[in-house]
């Protein structure tokens, strides 16, 4: 599964994909990157975010939730 969010706040696209039940994202948009595993609270470290295997709705819901948390956390910095 894959989802791309074109972020106006970050001025770039973020691509998410699922590897089994774990979710990864490409934050820098560079070719050849392996991506980062997303974690709770819009972070890159800590408890990992998962989705139900082969459930596109659950995958997209978790990606969008993480994205909102990530952009909020970056606004505060």
N, C-alpha and C. Protein backbone atom coordinates (compact mmCIF):
# COMPACT_ATOMS: atom_id res chain seq x y z
N UNK A 1 0.84 -1.17 0.00
CA UNK A 1 0.00 0.00 0.00
C UNK A 1 0.89 1.23 0.00
N UNK A 2 0.40 2.27 -0.62
CA UNK A 2 1.16 3.52 -0.71
C UNK A 2 0.21 4.71 -0.70
N UNK A 3 0.68 5.81 -0.10
CA UNK A 3 -0.09 7.04 -0.05
C UNK A 3 0.89 8.21 -0.12
N UNK A 4 0.59 9.20 -0.95
CA UNK A 4 1.40 10.40 -1.02
C UNK A 4 0.55 11.59 -0.61
N UNK A 5 1.06 12.36 0.34
CA UNK A 5 0.40 13.59 0.78
C UNK A 5 1.25 14.75 0.31
N UNK A 6 0.64 15.64 -0.46
CA UNK A 6 1.34 16.85 -0.93
C UNK A 6 1.11 17.93 0.12
N UNK A 7 2.13 18.17 0.89
CA UNK A 7 2.02 19.07 2.03
C UNK A 7 2.36 20.50 1.66
N UNK A 8 1.40 21.39 1.86
CA UNK A 8 1.67 22.82 1.67
C UNK A 8 2.45 23.37 2.86
N UNK A 9 2.21 22.81 4.04
CA UNK A 9 2.91 23.28 5.23
C UNK A 9 4.40 22.99 5.15
N UNK A 10 4.77 21.84 4.60
CA UNK A 10 6.18 21.46 4.51
C UNK A 10 6.78 21.78 3.15
N UNK A 11 5.94 22.17 2.22
CA UNK A 11 6.35 22.52 0.86
C UNK A 11 7.02 21.35 0.14
N UNK A 12 6.48 20.16 0.33
CA UNK A 12 6.98 18.96 -0.34
C UNK A 12 5.97 17.83 -0.17
N UNK A 13 6.19 16.78 -0.91
CA UNK A 13 5.34 15.60 -0.80
C UNK A 13 5.96 14.61 0.17
N UNK A 14 5.10 13.92 0.91
CA UNK A 14 5.54 12.85 1.81
C UNK A 14 4.87 11.57 1.31
N UNK A 15 5.67 10.56 1.05
CA UNK A 15 5.14 9.28 0.58
C UNK A 15 5.21 8.27 1.71
N UNK A 16 4.09 7.62 1.95
CA UNK A 16 4.00 6.56 2.95
C UNK A 16 3.83 5.23 2.25
N UNK A 17 4.37 4.18 2.82
CA UNK A 17 4.11 2.84 2.32
C UNK A 17 4.14 1.86 3.48
N UNK A 18 3.52 0.74 3.25
CA UNK A 18 3.41 -0.27 4.30
C UNK A 18 4.28 -1.46 3.96
N UNK A 19 5.05 -1.87 4.94
CA UNK A 19 5.84 -3.09 4.85
C UNK A 19 5.28 -4.04 5.88
N UNK A 20 4.48 -4.98 5.45
CA UNK A 20 3.69 -5.85 6.32
C UNK A 20 2.72 -4.97 7.10
N UNK A 21 2.86 -4.87 8.41
CA UNK A 21 1.93 -4.02 9.15
C UNK A 21 2.58 -2.71 9.59
N UNK A 22 3.88 -2.55 9.37
CA UNK A 22 4.57 -1.32 9.74
C UNK A 22 4.44 -0.28 8.64
N UNK A 23 4.48 1.00 9.03
CA UNK A 23 4.33 2.08 8.06
C UNK A 23 5.63 2.88 8.02
N UNK A 24 6.08 3.16 6.81
CA UNK A 24 7.30 3.93 6.58
C UNK A 24 6.96 5.19 5.80
N UNK A 25 7.83 6.19 5.87
CA UNK A 25 7.62 7.40 5.08
C UNK A 25 8.95 7.91 4.54
N UNK A 26 8.84 8.62 3.43
CA UNK A 26 9.98 9.27 2.81
C UNK A 26 9.80 10.76 3.01
N UNK A 27 10.56 11.33 3.92
CA UNK A 27 10.40 12.75 4.24
C UNK A 27 11.25 13.67 3.38
N UNK A 28 12.33 13.15 2.78
CA UNK A 28 13.21 14.06 2.05
C UNK A 28 13.03 13.99 0.54
N UNK A 29 12.26 13.04 0.04
CA UNK A 29 11.96 12.99 -1.38
C UNK A 29 13.14 12.65 -2.28
N UNK A 30 14.20 12.14 -1.72
CA UNK A 30 15.38 11.80 -2.50
C UNK A 30 15.28 10.37 -3.01
N UNK A 31 15.65 10.12 -4.26
CA UNK A 31 15.59 8.76 -4.80
C UNK A 31 16.57 7.84 -4.08
N UNK A 32 16.15 6.60 -3.90
CA UNK A 32 17.03 5.61 -3.30
C UNK A 32 16.99 5.55 -1.79
N UNK A 33 16.17 6.37 -1.14
CA UNK A 33 16.11 6.32 0.32
C UNK A 33 15.26 5.15 0.76
N UNK A 34 15.57 4.62 1.91
CA UNK A 34 14.82 3.50 2.45
C UNK A 34 13.62 3.95 3.25
N UNK A 35 13.59 5.20 3.63
CA UNK A 35 12.47 5.72 4.40
C UNK A 35 12.67 5.53 5.89
N UNK A 36 11.76 6.09 6.63
CA UNK A 36 11.79 6.03 8.09
C UNK A 36 10.52 5.39 8.59
N UNK A 37 10.63 4.60 9.62
CA UNK A 37 9.45 4.00 10.22
C UNK A 37 8.80 5.06 11.11
N UNK A 38 7.50 5.27 10.93
CA UNK A 38 6.82 6.31 11.70
C UNK A 38 6.45 5.79 13.08
N UNK A 39 6.46 6.71 14.05
CA UNK A 39 6.18 6.36 15.44
C UNK A 39 5.09 7.25 16.01
N UNK A 40 4.56 6.86 17.13
CA UNK A 40 3.43 7.55 17.76
C UNK A 40 3.73 9.02 18.01
N UNK A 41 2.71 9.84 17.93
CA UNK A 41 2.82 11.26 18.24
C UNK A 41 3.48 12.10 17.16
N UNK A 42 3.56 11.58 15.93
CA UNK A 42 4.18 12.34 14.85
C UNK A 42 5.69 12.35 14.94
N UNK A 43 6.25 11.37 15.61
CA UNK A 43 7.70 11.31 15.81
C UNK A 43 8.34 10.22 14.94
N UNK A 44 9.67 10.20 14.97
CA UNK A 44 10.43 9.19 14.23
C UNK A 44 11.05 8.17 15.18
N UNK A 45 10.90 8.36 16.47
CA UNK A 45 11.39 7.41 17.47
C UNK A 45 10.28 7.14 18.46
N UNK A 46 10.32 5.98 19.08
CA UNK A 46 9.32 5.61 20.07
C UNK A 46 8.49 4.44 19.59
N UNK A 47 7.30 4.29 20.17
CA UNK A 47 6.42 3.18 19.76
C UNK A 47 6.01 3.32 18.30
N UNK A 48 6.18 2.27 17.52
CA UNK A 48 5.90 2.35 16.09
C UNK A 48 4.40 2.34 15.80
N UNK A 49 4.05 2.96 14.68
CA UNK A 49 2.66 2.99 14.21
C UNK A 49 2.47 1.82 13.26
N UNK A 50 1.40 1.08 13.46
CA UNK A 50 1.10 -0.05 12.58
C UNK A 50 -0.30 0.10 12.00
N UNK A 51 -0.59 -0.72 11.01
CA UNK A 51 -1.93 -0.76 10.43
C UNK A 51 -2.28 -2.23 10.19
N UNK A 52 -3.55 -2.48 10.04
CA UNK A 52 -4.00 -3.83 9.74
C UNK A 52 -3.50 -4.23 8.36
N UNK A 53 -3.00 -5.44 8.24
CA UNK A 53 -2.47 -5.92 6.96
C UNK A 53 -3.55 -5.89 5.89
N UNK A 54 -3.21 -5.35 4.72
CA UNK A 54 -4.09 -5.29 3.56
C UNK A 54 -5.39 -4.52 3.80
N UNK A 55 -5.35 -3.53 4.69
CA UNK A 55 -6.53 -2.70 4.95
C UNK A 55 -6.19 -1.26 4.55
N UNK A 56 -6.53 -0.88 3.34
CA UNK A 56 -6.18 0.44 2.80
C UNK A 56 -6.75 1.56 3.65
N UNK A 57 -7.99 1.41 4.13
CA UNK A 57 -8.63 2.44 4.93
C UNK A 57 -7.85 2.67 6.23
N UNK A 58 -7.48 1.61 6.92
CA UNK A 58 -6.73 1.72 8.16
C UNK A 58 -5.35 2.33 7.90
N UNK A 59 -4.71 1.93 6.82
CA UNK A 59 -3.41 2.46 6.44
C UNK A 59 -3.49 3.96 6.23
N UNK A 60 -4.43 4.42 5.42
CA UNK A 60 -4.56 5.85 5.13
C UNK A 60 -4.92 6.64 6.38
N UNK A 61 -5.76 6.09 7.23
CA UNK A 61 -6.16 6.77 8.47
C UNK A 61 -4.94 6.99 9.37
N UNK A 62 -4.12 5.96 9.52
CA UNK A 62 -2.93 6.08 10.37
C UNK A 62 -1.91 7.05 9.77
N UNK A 63 -1.75 7.05 8.45
CA UNK A 63 -0.81 7.97 7.80
C UNK A 63 -1.25 9.42 7.99
N UNK A 64 -2.52 9.69 7.76
CA UNK A 64 -3.03 11.06 7.90
C UNK A 64 -2.97 11.54 9.35
N UNK A 65 -3.26 10.65 10.28
CA UNK A 65 -3.18 10.98 11.70
C UNK A 65 -1.74 11.33 12.07
N UNK A 66 -0.79 10.50 11.63
CA UNK A 66 0.62 10.77 11.92
C UNK A 66 1.05 12.09 11.28
N UNK A 67 0.65 12.34 10.05
CA UNK A 67 1.02 13.57 9.34
C UNK A 67 0.53 14.80 10.12
N UNK A 68 -0.71 14.79 10.59
CA UNK A 68 -1.23 15.92 11.37
C UNK A 68 -0.40 16.14 12.62
N UNK A 69 -0.07 15.06 13.33
CA UNK A 69 0.73 15.17 14.54
C UNK A 69 2.14 15.67 14.23
N UNK A 70 2.71 15.20 13.13
CA UNK A 70 4.05 15.59 12.72
C UNK A 70 4.11 17.09 12.39
N UNK A 71 3.14 17.58 11.64
CA UNK A 71 3.16 18.99 11.27
C UNK A 71 2.91 19.88 12.48
N UNK A 72 2.04 19.45 13.39
CA UNK A 72 1.83 20.22 14.61
C UNK A 72 3.10 20.29 15.44
N UNK A 73 3.80 19.17 15.57
CA UNK A 73 5.04 19.14 16.36
C UNK A 73 6.11 20.03 15.73
N UNK A 74 6.16 20.10 14.41
CA UNK A 74 7.15 20.93 13.72
C UNK A 74 6.81 22.41 13.77
N UNK A 75 5.53 22.75 13.92
CA UNK A 75 5.13 24.15 14.05
C UNK A 75 5.62 24.71 15.38
N UNK A 76 5.67 23.86 16.41
CA UNK A 76 6.06 24.30 17.75
C UNK A 76 7.55 24.51 17.86
N UNK A 77 8.34 23.88 16.98
CA UNK A 77 9.82 24.00 17.06
C UNK A 77 10.30 25.33 16.58
